PDB file of N, CA and C in Angstrom:
ATOM      1  N   MET A   1       4.088  -3.560 -30.926  1.00  0.00           N
ATOM      2  CA  MET A   1       4.288  -4.943 -30.105  1.00  0.00           C
ATOM      3  C   MET A   1       3.292  -5.849 -30.360  1.00  0.00           C
ATOM      4  N   GLY A   2       3.341  -7.180 -30.957  1.00  0.00           N
ATOM      5  CA  GLY A   2       2.425  -7.805 -31.334  1.00  0.00           C
ATOM      6  C   GLY A   2       2.120  -9.058 -30.604  1.00  0.00           C
ATOM      7  N   GLU A   3       1.131  -9.827 -30.572  1.00  0.00           N
ATOM      8  CA  GLU A   3       0.768 -10.880 -29.693  1.00  0.00           C
ATOM      9  C   GLU A   3       1.978 -11.932 -29.701  1.00  0.00           C
ATOM     10  N   LYS A   4       2.644 -12.092 -30.638  1.00  0.00           N
ATOM     11  CA  LYS A   4       3.781 -13.146 -30.617  1.00  0.00           C
ATOM     12  C   LYS A   4       5.052 -12.785 -30.230  1.00  0.00           C
ATOM     13  N   ASP A   5       5.257 -11.540 -30.148  1.00  0.00           N
ATOM     14  CA  ASP A   5       6.708 -11.075 -29.614  1.00  0.00           C
ATOM     15  C   ASP A   5       6.453 -10.411 -28.455  1.00  0.00           C
ATOM     16  N   TRP A   6       5.529 -10.618 -27.429  1.00  0.00           N
ATOM     17  CA  TRP A   6       5.415  -9.612 -26.339  1.00  0.00           C
ATOM     18  C   TRP A   6       6.529 -10.199 -25.223  1.00  0.00           C
ATOM     19  N   ASP A   7       6.806 -11.404 -25.150  1.00  0.00           N
ATOM     20  CA  ASP A   7       7.831 -11.803 -24.392  1.00  0.00           C
ATOM     21  C   ASP A   7       9.161 -11.036 -24.590  1.00  0.00           C
ATOM     22  N   SER A   8       9.390 -10.595 -25.386  1.00  0.00           N
ATOM     23  CA  SER A   8      10.685  -9.800 -25.863  1.00  0.00           C
ATOM     24  C   SER A   8      10.783  -8.253 -25.198  1.00  0.00           C
ATOM     25  N   HIS A   9       9.644  -8.064 -24.805  1.00  0.00           N
ATOM     26  CA  HIS A   9       9.514  -6.686 -24.270  1.00  0.00           C
ATOM     27  C   HIS A   9       9.722  -6.667 -22.541  1.00  0.00           C
ATOM     28  N   ILE A  10       9.628  -8.053 -21.980  1.00  0.00           N
ATOM     29  CA  ILE A  10       9.434  -8.132 -20.578  1.00  0.00           C
ATOM     30  C   ILE A  10      10.621  -7.325 -20.106  1.00  0.00           C
ATOM     31  N   GLY A  11      11.876  -7.631 -20.102  1.00  0.00           N
ATOM     32  CA  GLY A  11      13.007  -6.946 -19.766  1.00  0.00           C
ATOM     33  C   GLY A  11      13.022  -5.389 -19.811  1.00  0.00           C
ATOM     34  N   THR A  12      12.237  -4.962 -20.495  1.00  0.00           N
ATOM     35  CA  THR A  12      11.798  -3.450 -20.661  1.00  0.00           C
ATOM     36  C   THR A  12      10.952  -2.885 -19.850  1.00  0.00           C
ATOM     37  N   ILE A  13       9.876  -3.785 -19.749  1.00  0.00           N
ATOM     38  CA  ILE A  13       8.881  -3.280 -18.746  1.00  0.00           C
ATOM     39  C   ILE A  13       9.493  -3.720 -17.346  1.00  0.00           C
ATOM     40  N   GLN A  14      10.340  -4.354 -16.986  1.00  0.00           N
ATOM     41  CA  GLN A  14      10.839  -4.682 -15.744  1.00  0.00           C
ATOM     42  C   GLN A  14      11.679  -3.624 -15.504  1.00  0.00           C
ATOM     43  N   TRP A  15      12.455  -3.234 -16.374  1.00  0.00           N
ATOM     44  CA  TRP A  15      13.304  -1.865 -15.886  1.00  0.00           C
ATOM     45  C   TRP A  15      12.456  -0.694 -15.404  1.00  0.00           C
ATOM     46  N   GLY A  16      11.372  -0.703 -16.422  1.00  0.00           N
ATOM     47  CA  GLY A  16      10.504   0.470 -16.276  1.00  0.00           C
ATOM     48  C   GLY A  16       9.923   0.278 -14.483  1.00  0.00           C
ATOM     49  N   LEU A  17       9.226  -0.663 -14.321  1.00  0.00           N
ATOM     50  CA  LEU A  17       8.912  -0.999 -13.009  1.00  0.00           C
ATOM     51  C   LEU A  17       9.892  -0.994 -11.840  1.00  0.00           C
ATOM     52  N   ASN A  18      11.027  -1.200 -12.007  1.00  0.00           N
ATOM     53  CA  ASN A  18      11.930  -1.008 -10.931  1.00  0.00           C
ATOM     54  C   ASN A  18      12.785   0.168 -11.142  1.00  0.00           C
ATOM     55  N   ASN A  19      12.581   0.879 -11.953  1.00  0.00           N
ATOM     56  CA  ASN A  19      13.071   2.181 -11.667  1.00  0.00           C
ATOM     57  C   ASN A  19      11.945   3.412 -12.132  1.00  0.00           C
ATOM     58  N   THR A  20      10.841   3.225 -11.386  1.00  0.00           N
ATOM     59  CA  THR A  20       9.991   4.649 -11.592  1.00  0.00           C
ATOM     60  C   THR A  20       9.896   4.955  -9.976  1.00  0.00           C
ATOM     61  N   VAL A  21       9.850   5.992  -9.819  1.00  0.00           N
ATOM     62  CA  VAL A  21       9.962   6.585  -8.414  1.00  0.00           C
ATOM     63  C   VAL A  21       8.238   6.082  -7.786  1.00  0.00           C
ATOM     64  N   GLN A  22       8.251   5.730  -6.831  1.00  0.00           N
ATOM     65  CA  GLN A  22       7.446   5.261  -6.012  1.00  0.00           C
ATOM     66  C   GLN A  22       6.752   6.294  -5.210  1.00  0.00           C
ATOM     67  N   LYS A  23       5.457   6.785  -5.127  1.00  0.00           N
ATOM     68  CA  LYS A  23       4.950   7.687  -4.557  1.00  0.00           C
ATOM     69  C   LYS A  23       5.386   8.190  -2.757  1.00  0.00           C
ATOM     70  N   THR A  24       4.910   6.742  -2.349  1.00  0.00           N
ATOM     71  CA  THR A  24       5.217   7.061  -0.917  1.00  0.00           C
ATOM     72  C   THR A  24       6.659   6.879  -0.729  1.00  0.00           C
ATOM     73  N   THR A  25       7.333   6.116  -0.889  1.00  0.00           N
ATOM     74  CA  THR A  25       8.821   6.261  -0.605  1.00  0.00           C
ATOM     75  C   THR A  25       9.650   7.345  -1.305  1.00  0.00           C
ATOM     76  N   GLY A  26       9.378   7.750  -2.370  1.00  0.00           N
ATOM     77  CA  GLY A  26      10.244   8.960  -2.923  1.00  0.00           C
ATOM     78  C   GLY A  26      11.372   8.075  -3.625  1.00  0.00           C
ATOM     79  N   LYS A  27      11.472   6.682  -3.901  1.00  0.00           N
ATOM     80  CA  LYS A  27      12.757   6.397  -4.154  1.00  0.00           C
ATOM     81  C   LYS A  27      12.334   4.871  -5.140  1.00  0.00           C
ATOM     82  N   THR A  28      12.859   4.492  -5.868  1.00  0.00           N
ATOM     83  CA  THR A  28      12.794   3.516  -7.219  1.00  0.00           C
ATOM     84  C   THR A  28      12.960   2.232  -6.198  1.00  0.00           C
ATOM     85  N   ALA A  29      12.435   1.144  -6.849  1.00  0.00           N
ATOM     86  CA  ALA A  29      12.677  -0.172  -6.166  1.00  0.00           C
ATOM     87  C   ALA A  29      14.008  -0.859  -6.335  1.00  0.00           C
ATOM     88  N   SER A  30      14.711  -0.304  -7.453  1.00  0.00           N
ATOM     89  CA  SER A  30      16.107  -0.703  -7.404  1.00  0.00           C
ATOM     90  C   SER A  30      17.185   0.196  -6.418  1.00  0.00           C
ATOM     91  N   GLU A  31      16.697   1.417  -5.906  1.00  0.00           N
ATOM     92  CA  GLU A  31      17.303   2.192  -4.797  1.00  0.00           C
ATOM     93  C   GLU A  31      17.290   1.614  -3.507  1.00  0.00           C
ATOM     94  N   ILE A  32      16.238   1.057  -3.360  1.00  0.00           N
ATOM     95  CA  ILE A  32      15.767   0.457  -2.155  1.00  0.00           C
ATOM     96  C   ILE A  32      16.565  -0.693  -1.762  1.00  0.00           C
ATOM     97  N   LEU A  33      16.696  -1.480  -3.084  1.00  0.00           N
ATOM     98  CA  LEU A  33      16.949  -2.896  -2.856  1.00  0.00           C
ATOM     99  C   LEU A  33      18.570  -3.061  -2.852  1.00  0.00           C
ATOM    100  N   PHE A  34      18.914  -2.107  -3.630  1.00  0.00           N
ATOM    101  CA  PHE A  34      20.589  -2.066  -4.331  1.00  0.00           C
ATOM    102  C   PHE A  34      21.296  -0.780  -3.937  1.00  0.00           C
ATOM    103  N   GLY A  35      20.492   0.283  -3.789  1.00  0.00           N
ATOM    104  CA  GLY A  35      20.898   1.523  -2.997  1.00  0.00           C
ATOM    105  C   GLY A  35      21.645   2.541  -4.352  1.00  0.00           C
ATOM    106  N   VAL A  36      21.288   1.826  -5.675  1.00  0.00           N
ATOM    107  CA  VAL A  36      21.751   2.510  -6.647  1.00  0.00           C
ATOM    108  C   VAL A  36      20.570   2.802  -8.036  1.00  0.00           C
ATOM    109  N   SER A  37      20.600   3.640  -8.573  1.00  0.00           N
ATOM    110  CA  SER A  37      19.634   3.944  -9.575  1.00  0.00           C
ATOM    111  C   SER A  37      20.232   3.014 -11.042  1.00  0.00           C
ATOM    112  N   MET A  38      19.401   2.278 -11.371  1.00  0.00           N
ATOM    113  CA  MET A  38      19.826   1.343 -12.720  1.00  0.00           C
ATOM    114  C   MET A  38      20.041   2.292 -13.900  1.00  0.00           C
ATOM    115  N   ARG A  39      20.851   2.058 -14.661  1.00  0.00           N
ATOM    116  CA  ARG A  39      21.389   2.439 -15.842  1.00  0.00           C
ATOM    117  C   ARG A  39      20.386   2.225 -17.005  1.00  0.00           C
ATOM    118  N   SER A  40      20.018   3.145 -17.696  1.00  0.00           N
ATOM    119  CA  SER A  40      19.143   3.043 -18.943  1.00  0.00           C
ATOM    120  C   SER A  40      19.443   2.690 -20.031  1.00  0.00           C
ATOM    121  N   GLU A  41      19.031   1.377 -20.487  1.00  0.00           N
ATOM    122  CA  GLU A  41      19.360   0.982 -22.060  1.00  0.00           C
ATOM    123  C   GLU A  41      18.565   1.514 -22.975  1.00  0.00           C
ATOM    124  N   ILE A  42      17.285   2.073 -22.531  1.00  0.00           N
ATOM    125  CA  ILE A  42      16.372   2.227 -23.225  1.00  0.00           C
ATOM    126  C   ILE A  42      16.900   3.976 -23.853  1.00  0.00           C
ATOM    127  N   ASN A  43      16.835   4.641 -23.110  1.00  0.00           N
ATOM    128  CA  ASN A  43      17.659   6.122 -23.649  1.00  0.00           C
ATOM    129  C   ASN A  43      18.646   6.418 -22.565  1.00  0.00           C
ATOM    130  N   PRO A  44      19.630   6.116 -23.186  1.00  0.00           N
ATOM    131  CA  PRO A  44      20.988   6.211 -22.461  1.00  0.00           C
ATOM    132  C   PRO A  44      21.214   7.773 -21.864  1.00  0.00           C
ATOM    133  N   ILE A  45      20.814   8.847 -22.756  1.00  0.00           N
ATOM    134  CA  ILE A  45      21.107  10.021 -22.076  1.00  0.00           C
ATOM    135  C   ILE A  45      20.270  10.400 -20.490  1.00  0.00           C
ATOM    136  N   LEU A  46      19.487   9.467 -20.479  1.00  0.00           N
ATOM    137  CA  LEU A  46      18.862   9.666 -19.220  1.00  0.00           C
ATOM    138  C   LEU A  46      19.711   9.115 -18.072  1.00  0.00           C
ATOM    139  N   ASN A  47      20.816   8.579 -18.270  1.00  0.00           N
ATOM    140  CA  ASN A  47      21.940   8.114 -17.194  1.00  0.00           C
ATOM    141  C   ASN A  47      22.549   9.450 -16.682  1.00  0.00           C
ATOM    142  N   LYS A  48      22.697  10.278 -17.246  1.00  0.00           N
ATOM    143  CA  LYS A  48      23.621  11.778 -16.981  1.00  0.00           C
ATOM    144  C   LYS A  48      22.475  12.395 -15.991  1.00  0.00           C
ATOM    145  N   VAL A  49      20.977  12.480 -16.287  1.00  0.00           N
ATOM    146  CA  VAL A  49      20.111  13.085 -15.660  1.00  0.00           C
ATOM    147  C   VAL A  49      20.047  12.513 -14.261  1.00  0.00           C
ATOM    148  N   VAL A  50      19.919  11.117 -14.411  1.00  0.00           N
ATOM    149  CA  VAL A  50      19.768  10.450 -13.058  1.00  0.00           C
ATOM    150  C   VAL A  50      20.949  10.544 -12.041  1.00  0.00           C
ATOM    151  N   ALA A  51      22.111  10.510 -12.667  1.00  0.00           N
ATOM    152  CA  ALA A  51      23.713  10.927 -11.794  1.00  0.00           C
ATOM    153  C   ALA A  51      23.249  12.072 -11.509  1.00  0.00           C
ATOM    154  N   GLU A  52      22.638  13.096 -12.132  1.00  0.00           N
ATOM    155  CA  GLU A  52      22.904  14.584 -11.411  1.00  0.00           C
ATOM    156  C   GLU A  52      21.863  14.599 -10.455  1.00  0.00           C
ATOM    157  N   THR A  53      20.538  13.936 -10.628  1.00  0.00           N
ATOM    158  CA  THR A  53      19.766  14.396  -9.615  1.00  0.00           C
ATOM    159  C   THR A  53      19.230  13.143  -8.699  1.00  0.00           C
ATOM    160  N   ARG A  54      19.768  12.361  -8.700  1.00  0.00           N
ATOM    161  CA  ARG A  54      19.787  11.085  -7.758  1.00  0.00           C
ATOM    162  C   ARG A  54      20.822  10.445  -7.581  1.00  0.00           C
ATOM    163  N   GLY A  55      21.855  11.246  -6.937  1.00  0.00           N
ATOM    164  CA  GLY A  55      23.101  10.862  -6.541  1.00  0.00           C
ATOM    165  C   GLY A  55      23.066   9.270  -5.674  1.00  0.00           C
ATOM    166  N   ASP A  56      24.052   8.588  -5.699  1.00  0.00           N
ATOM    167  CA  ASP A  56      24.019   7.178  -4.747  1.00  0.00           C
ATOM    168  C   ASP A  56      24.302   7.545  -3.553  1.00  0.00           C
ATOM    169  N   CYS A  57      23.493   6.969  -2.409  1.00  0.00           N
ATOM    170  CA  CYS A  57      23.698   6.972  -0.883  1.00  0.00           C
ATOM    171  C   CYS A  57      24.225   5.796  -0.320  1.00  0.00           C
ATOM    172  N   ASP A  58      24.105   5.940   0.989  1.00  0.00           N
ATOM    173  CA  ASP A  58      24.251   4.378   1.833  1.00  0.00           C
ATOM    174  C   ASP A  58      22.955   3.838   1.713  1.00  0.00           C
ATOM    175  N   ILE A  59      22.789   2.578   1.826  1.00  0.00           N
ATOM    176  CA  ILE A  59      21.716   2.013   1.313  1.00  0.00           C
ATOM    177  C   ILE A  59      20.809   1.814   2.860  1.00  0.00           C
ATOM    178  N   THR A  60      21.702   1.555   4.152  1.00  0.00           N
ATOM    179  CA  THR A  60      21.028   1.958   5.155  1.00  0.00           C
ATOM    180  C   THR A  60      20.266   3.284   5.297  1.00  0.00           C
ATOM    181  N   THR A  61      20.807   4.313   5.096  1.00  0.00           N
ATOM    182  CA  THR A  61      20.054   5.701   4.802  1.00  0.00           C
ATOM    183  C   THR A  61      19.028   5.549   3.916  1.00  0.00           C
ATOM    184  N   ILE A  62      19.144   4.957   2.796  1.00  0.00           N
ATOM    185  CA  ILE A  62      18.252   4.986   1.601  1.00  0.00           C
ATOM    186  C   ILE A  62      16.410   4.217   2.276  1.00  0.00           C
ATOM    187  N   ARG A  63      17.226   3.241   2.908  1.00  0.00           N
ATOM    188  CA  ARG A  63      16.056   2.271   3.390  1.00  0.00           C
ATOM    189  C   ARG A  63      15.367   2.834   4.693  1.00  0.00           C
ATOM    190  N   SER A  64      16.157   3.867   5.615  1.00  0.00           N
ATOM    191  CA  SER A  64      15.470   4.128   6.589  1.00  0.00           C
ATOM    192  C   SER A  64      14.626   5.429   6.523  1.00  0.00           C
ATOM    193  N   GLU A  65      15.154   6.154   5.447  1.00  0.00           N
ATOM    194  CA  GLU A  65      14.250   7.104   4.644  1.00  0.00           C
ATOM    195  C   GLU A  65      12.985   6.441   3.894  1.00  0.00           C
ATOM    196  N   ALA A  66      13.018   5.660   3.427  1.00  0.00           N
ATOM    197  CA  ALA A  66      11.729   4.854   2.928  1.00  0.00           C
ATOM    198  C   ALA A  66      10.891   4.439   3.978  1.00  0.00           C
ATOM    199  N   LYS A  67      11.360   3.745   5.009  1.00  0.00           N
ATOM    200  CA  LYS A  67      10.489   3.289   6.038  1.00  0.00           C
ATOM    201  C   LYS A  67       9.684   4.507   6.681  1.00  0.00           C
ATOM    202  N   SER A  68      10.646   5.437   6.993  1.00  0.00           N
ATOM    203  CA  SER A  68       9.993   6.806   7.697  1.00  0.00           C
ATOM    204  C   SER A  68       8.674   7.152   6.873  1.00  0.00           C
ATOM    205  N   ARG A  69       8.951   7.132   5.482  1.00  0.00           N
ATOM    206  CA  ARG A  69       8.073   7.630   4.734  1.00  0.00           C
ATOM    207  C   ARG A  69       6.774   6.806   4.556  1.00  0.00           C
ATOM    208  N   ILE A  70       7.276   5.486   4.612  1.00  0.00           N
ATOM    209  CA  ILE A  70       5.848   4.485   4.528  1.00  0.00           C
ATOM    210  C   ILE A  70       5.241   4.632   5.882  1.00  0.00           C
ATOM    211  N   ASP A  71       5.880   4.905   7.048  1.00  0.00           N
ATOM    212  CA  ASP A  71       5.241   4.798   8.383  1.00  0.00           C
ATOM    213  C   ASP A  71       4.202   6.095   8.404  1.00  0.00           C
ATOM    214  N   ASN A  72       4.930   7.100   7.844  1.00  0.00           N
ATOM    215  CA  ASN A  72       4.063   8.503   7.658  1.00  0.00           C
ATOM    216  C   ASN A  72       2.739   8.485   7.051  1.00  0.00           C
ATOM    217  N   ASN A  73       3.233   7.844   6.030  1.00  0.00           N
ATOM    218  CA  ASN A  73       2.080   7.598   5.120  1.00  0.00           C
ATOM    219  C   ASN A  73       1.079   6.772   5.470  1.00  0.00           C
ATOM    220  N   MET A  74       1.164   5.744   6.077  1.00  0.00           N
ATOM    221  CA  MET A  74       0.375   4.644   6.878  1.00  0.00           C
ATOM    222  C   MET A  74      -0.499   5.645   7.766  1.00  0.00           C
ATOM    223  N   ILE A  75      -0.009   6.424   8.752  1.00  0.00           N
ATOM    224  CA  ILE A  75      -0.813   7.166   9.581  1.00  0.00           C
ATOM    225  C   ILE A  75      -1.760   8.055   9.142  1.00  0.00           C
ATOM    226  N   LYS A  76      -1.356   8.802   7.823  1.00  0.00           N
ATOM    227  CA  LYS A  76      -2.075   9.897   7.108  1.00  0.00           C
ATOM    228  C   LYS A  76      -3.093   9.151   6.569  1.00  0.00           C
ATOM    229  N   GLN A  77      -3.143   7.556   5.925  1.00  0.00           N
ATOM    230  CA  GLN A  77      -3.892   6.488   5.303  1.00  0.00           C
ATOM    231  C   GLN A  77      -4.663   6.477   6.625  1.00  0.00           C
ATOM    232  N   LYS A  78      -4.314   6.105   7.562  1.00  0.00           N
ATOM    233  CA  LYS A  78      -5.500   5.587   8.620  1.00  0.00           C
ATOM    234  C   LYS A  78      -6.494   7.067   9.181  1.00  0.00           C
ATOM    235  N   GLU A  79      -5.598   8.151   9.224  1.00  0.00           N
ATOM    236  CA  GLU A  79      -6.491   9.381   9.794  1.00  0.00           C
ATOM    237  C   GLU A  79      -7.651   9.545   8.787  1.00  0.00           C
ATOM    238  N   HIS A  80      -7.156   9.190   7.559  1.00  0.00           N
ATOM    239  CA  HIS A  80      -8.378   9.475   6.213  1.00  0.00           C
ATOM    240  C   HIS A  80      -9.281   8.718   6.676  1.00  0.00           C
ATOM    241  N   TYR A  81      -9.046   7.002   6.344  1.00  0.00           N
ATOM    242  CA  TYR A  81     -10.214   6.574   6.547  1.00  0.00           C
ATOM    243  C   TYR A  81     -10.897   6.624   8.009  1.00  0.00           C
ATOM    244  N   ASP A  82     -10.235   7.148   9.320  1.00  0.00           N
ATOM    245  CA  ASP A  82     -11.209   7.052  10.459  1.00  0.00           C
ATOM    246  C   ASP A  82     -11.900   8.416  10.564  1.00  0.00           C
ATOM    247  N   LYS A  83     -11.666   9.557   9.382  1.00  0.00           N
ATOM    248  CA  LYS A  83     -12.267  10.276   9.469  1.00  0.00           C
ATOM    249  C   LYS A  83     -13.942  10.146   9.191  1.00  0.00           C
ATOM    250  N   GLY A  84     -14.336   9.158   8.444  1.00  0.00           N
ATOM    251  CA  GLY A  84     -15.653   8.650   8.051  1.00  0.00           C
ATOM    252  C   GLY A  84     -16.133   7.472   8.977  1.00  0.00           C
ATOM    253  N   ARG A  85     -15.391   7.365   9.939  1.00  0.00           N
ATOM    254  CA  ARG A  85     -16.195   6.282  10.919  1.00  0.00           C
ATOM    255  C   ARG A  85     -16.410   6.599  12.230  1.00  0.00           C
ATOM    256  N   LYS A  86     -17.234   5.986  12.887  1.00  0.00           N
ATOM    257  CA  LYS A  86     -17.801   6.528  14.447  1.00  0.00           C
ATOM    258  C   LYS A  86     -17.417   5.648  15.237  1.00  0.00           C
ATOM    259  N   PRO A  87     -17.335   5.627  16.568  1.00  0.00           N
ATOM    260  CA  PRO A  87     -16.778   4.476  17.452  1.00  0.00           C
ATOM    261  C   PRO A  87     -17.994   3.412  17.594  1.00  0.00           C
ATOM    262  N   ALA A  88     -17.374   2.199  17.805  1.00  0.00           N
ATOM    263  CA  ALA A  88     -18.559   1.044  17.991  1.00  0.00           C
ATOM    264  C   ALA A  88     -19.250   1.396  19.228  1.00  0.00           C
ATOM    265  N   THR A  89     -20.705   1.056  18.737  1.00  0.00           N
ATOM    266  CA  THR A  89     -21.724   0.942  19.954  1.00  0.00           C
ATOM    267  C   THR A  89     -21.389   0.192  20.929  1.00  0.00           C
ATOM    268  N   THR A  90     -21.282   0.371  22.153  1.00  0.00           N
ATOM    269  CA  THR A  90     -21.120  -0.920  23.415  1.00  0.00           C
ATOM    270  C   THR A  90     -22.274  -1.069  24.068  1.00  0.00           C
ATOM    271  N   TYR A  91     -22.359  -2.199  24.235  1.00  0.00           N
ATOM    272  CA  TYR A  91     -23.667  -2.724  25.203  1.00  0.00           C
ATOM    273  C   TYR A  91     -23.309  -3.050  26.383  1.00  0.00           C
ATOM    274  N   ALA A  92     -24.278  -3.124  27.422  1.00  0.00           N
ATOM    275  CA  ALA A  92     -24.133  -3.560  28.706  1.00  0.00           C
ATOM    276  C   ALA A  92     -25.014  -4.531  29.097  1.00  0.00           C
ATOM    277  N   VAL A  93     -24.686  -5.869  29.951  1.00  0.00           N
ATOM    278  CA  VAL A  93     -25.919  -6.393  30.271  1.00  0.00           C
ATOM    279  C   VAL A  93     -27.234  -5.773  30.713  1.00  0.00           C
ATOM    280  N   GLY A  94     -28.164  -6.403  30.040  1.00  0.00           N
ATOM    281  CA  GLY A  94     -29.493  -5.760  30.284  1.00  0.00           C
ATOM    282  C   GLY A  94     -29.927  -5.024  29.301  1.00  0.00           C
ATOM    283  N   ASP A  95     -29.085  -4.385  28.386  1.00  0.00           N
ATOM    284  CA  ASP A  95     -29.509  -3.619  27.452  1.00  0.00           C
ATOM    285  C   ASP A  95     -30.687  -4.129  26.392  1.00  0.00           C
ATOM    286  N   LEU A  96     -31.617  -3.781  25.682  1.00  0.00           N
ATOM    287  CA  LEU A  96     -32.333  -4.035  24.609  1.00  0.00           C
ATOM    288  C   LEU A  96     -31.566  -4.145  23.297  1.00  0.00           C
ATOM    289  N   VAL A  97     -31.406  -4.970  22.588  1.00  0.00           N
ATOM    290  CA  VAL A  97     -30.832  -4.837  21.364  1.00  0.00           C
ATOM    291  C   VAL A  97     -31.697  -5.589  20.276  1.00  0.00           C
ATOM    292  N   LYS A  98     -31.444  -5.338  18.836  1.00  0.00           N
ATOM    293  CA  LYS A  98     -32.186  -6.025  17.703  1.00  0.00           C
ATOM    294  C   LYS A  98     -31.352  -6.854  16.821  1.00  0.00           C
ATOM    295  N   SER A  99     -31.685  -7.890  17.052  1.00  0.00           N
ATOM    296  CA  SER A  99     -30.619  -8.900  16.106  1.00  0.00           C
ATOM    297  C   SER A  99     -31.348  -8.726  14.782  1.00  0.00           C
ATOM    298  N   LEU A 100     -30.609  -8.475  13.691  1.00  0.00           N
ATOM    299  CA  LEU A 100     -30.981  -8.402  12.193  1.00  0.00           C
ATOM    300  C   LEU A 100     -30.508  -9.562  11.420  1.00  0.00           C
ATOM    301  N   GLY A 101     -29.844 -10.382  12.113  1.00  0.00           N
ATOM    302  CA  GLY A 101     -29.110 -11.654  11.397  1.00  0.00           C
ATOM    303  C   GLY A 101     -29.944 -12.962  11.782  1.00  0.00           C
ATOM    304  N   LEU A 102     -29.634 -13.902  11.230  1.00  0.00           N
ATOM    305  CA  LEU A 102     -30.290 -15.252  12.001  1.00  0.00           C
ATOM    306  C   LEU A 102     -29.044 -16.114  12.493  1.00  0.00           C
ATOM    307  N   VAL A 103     -29.209 -16.194  13.687  1.00  0.00           N
ATOM    308  CA  VAL A 103     -28.591 -16.732  14.795  1.00  0.00           C
ATOM    309  C   VAL A 103     -28.934 -18.271  14.822  1.00  0.00           C
ATOM    310  N   SER A 104     -28.194 -19.167  14.811  1.00  0.00           N
ATOM    311  CA  SER A 104     -28.527 -20.716  14.767  1.00  0.00           C
ATOM    312  C   SER A 104     -29.504 -21.024  15.935  1.00  0.00           C
ATOM    313  N   ALA A 105     -29.180 -20.367  17.249  1.00  0.00           N
ATOM    314  CA  ALA A 105     -30.417 -20.767  18.376  1.00  0.00           C
ATOM    315  C   ALA A 105     -31.524 -20.142  18.379  1.00  0.00           C
ATOM    316  N   MET A 106     -31.852 -18.953  17.288  1.00  0.00           N
ATOM    317  CA  MET A 106     -32.855 -18.237  17.286  1.00  0.00           C
ATOM    318  C   MET A 106     -33.348 -18.210  15.791  1.00  0.00           C
ATOM    319  N   LYS A 107     -33.475 -19.236  14.868  1.00  0.00           N
ATOM    320  CA  LYS A 107     -33.617 -19.339  13.741  1.00  0.00           C
ATOM    321  C   LYS A 107     -35.312 -19.086  13.383  1.00  0.00           C
ATOM    322  N   ASP A 108     -35.962 -19.261  14.274  1.00  0.00           N
ATOM    323  CA  ASP A 108     -37.366 -19.217  14.427  1.00  0.00           C
ATOM    324  C   ASP A 108     -38.012 -18.011  14.804  1.00  0.00           C
ATOM    325  N   ARG A 109     -37.208 -17.159  15.580  1.00  0.00           N
ATOM    326  CA  ARG A 109     -37.548 -15.830  15.862  1.00  0.00           C
ATOM    327  C   ARG A 109     -36.421 -14.734  15.130  1.00  0.00           C
ATOM    328  N   ALA A 110     -36.130 -14.965  13.962  1.00  0.00           N
ATOM    329  CA  ALA A 110     -35.290 -13.673  13.381  1.00  0.00           C
ATOM    330  C   ALA A 110     -36.356 -12.359  13.598  1.00  0.00           C
ATOM    331  N   ARG A 111     -35.205 -11.269  13.436  1.00  0.00           N
ATOM    332  CA  ARG A 111     -35.378 -10.195  13.425  1.00  0.00           C
ATOM    333  C   ARG A 111     -36.437  -9.877  14.708  1.00  0.00           C
ATOM    334  N   SER A 112     -35.928 -10.562  15.889  1.00  0.00           N
ATOM    335  CA  SER A 112     -36.737 -10.147  17.146  1.00  0.00           C
ATOM    336  C   SER A 112     -35.790  -9.440  18.182  1.00  0.00           C
ATOM    337  N   SER A 113     -36.512  -8.847  18.877  1.00  0.00           N
ATOM    338  CA  SER A 113     -35.662  -8.378  20.006  1.00  0.00           C
ATOM    339  C   SER A 113     -35.284  -8.844  21.361  1.00  0.00           C
ATOM    340  N   CYS A 114     -34.267  -8.931  21.967  1.00  0.00           N
ATOM    341  CA  CYS A 114     -34.196  -9.635  23.210  1.00  0.00           C
ATOM    342  C   CYS A 114     -33.226  -8.811  24.097  1.00  0.00           C
ATOM    343  N   ARG A 115     -32.987  -9.057  25.228  1.00  0.00           N
ATOM    344  CA  ARG A 115     -32.211  -8.590  26.371  1.00  0.00           C
ATOM    345  C   ARG A 115     -30.891  -9.242  26.335  1.00  0.00           C
ATOM    346  N   LEU A 116     -29.841  -8.597  26.599  1.00  0.00           N
ATOM    347  CA  LEU A 116     -28.776  -9.155  26.526  1.00  0.00           C
ATOM    348  C   LEU A 116     -28.405  -9.689  27.944  1.00  0.00           C
ATOM    349  N   THR A 117     -27.963 -11.009  28.271  1.00  0.00           N
ATOM    350  CA  THR A 117     -28.137 -11.466  29.422  1.00  0.00           C
ATOM    351  C   THR A 117     -26.450 -11.907  29.960  1.00  0.00           C
TER     352      THR A 117
END
């Protein structure tokens, strides 16, 4: 593929993107959108393999399965993210706190301590 004829390959690239099984959903984009796997123009022998391994289903079923897998994956990602986090510190009125940033009302007293009021 040269610099001058890149646009002639866009259809092939798009087909590849639309027909790659996505890790989270377990389905291809074309399966979720249309309910079927698209036929291959690049390698027609793959059509038989796709037909045998990924039979067509009801689009509502496909989408509900994909949504369920996405929801489960979101929960796993949040659990993984939260492992390294600690709860936020809560302060009560009268607690001594240290301000590390400049606040417009306290520009001349940066990095000072004060009581919450």
